[in-house]
Structures are given as C-alpha cells and as structure tokens.
C-alpha cells in the first residue's frame, strides 16, 4: 500500500521508516492530529 510517506519529499528523508524512527509510537496520533487540524 502506497502512503504519502512514499512521495517526495518524505521518501528523500527516509519515508515511513524514517518517520517511525523520529516519532516512534507517537506517529499515528501525530498524523491523526495534524489531519484534524489541517482539515478544520
């Protein structure tokens, strides 16, 4: 399954694996919160 993390510029910074390294277990809740705030 393709995600936004597979697209530029995310893939250039490590993609989903890189995001998981940086944000760990908080990644899911962070993405959910960002989506809620940005879509409001």
Protein backbone atom coordinates (compact mmCIF):
# COMPACT_ATOMS: atom_id res chain seq x y z
CA UNK A 1 0.00 0.00 0.00
CA UNK A 2 1.38 3.38 -1.01
CA UNK A 3 1.27 6.21 1.52
CA UNK A 4 2.20 9.88 1.48
CA UNK A 5 5.48 8.83 3.09
CA UNK A 6 6.38 7.17 -0.24
CA UNK A 7 6.29 10.53 -2.02
CA UNK A 8 8.79 13.40 -2.31
CA UNK A 9 9.99 14.95 -0.01
CA UNK A 10 9.22 12.25 2.58
CA UNK A 11 10.96 9.41 0.74
CA UNK A 12 14.10 11.57 0.48
CA UNK A 13 14.13 11.80 4.29
CA UNK A 14 13.66 8.08 4.95
CA UNK A 15 9.97 7.60 4.21
CA UNK A 16 7.74 5.84 6.71
CA UNK A 17 10.69 4.10 8.37
CA UNK A 18 12.40 7.43 8.95
CA UNK A 19 9.25 8.94 10.42
CA UNK A 20 8.87 5.95 12.75
CA UNK A 21 12.48 6.37 13.90
CA UNK A 22 11.91 10.04 14.70
CA UNK A 23 8.40 9.92 16.18
CA UNK A 24 8.20 6.31 17.38
CA UNK A 25 4.87 5.25 18.86
CA UNK A 26 3.52 8.79 18.63
CA UNK A 27 3.49 8.83 14.81
CA UNK A 28 -0.08 7.59 14.41
CA UNK A 29 -1.59 10.04 16.87
CA UNK A 30 0.53 12.89 15.47
CA UNK A 31 -0.64 12.23 11.90
CA UNK A 32 -4.25 11.97 13.09
CA UNK A 33 -3.99 15.27 14.98
CA UNK A 34 -2.36 17.02 12.02
CA UNK A 35 -5.11 15.79 9.70
CA UNK A 36 -7.82 17.04 12.08
CA UNK A 37 -6.23 20.47 12.50
CA UNK A 38 -5.39 20.96 8.83
CA UNK A 39 -8.82 19.90 7.62
CA UNK A 40 -10.70 22.17 10.03
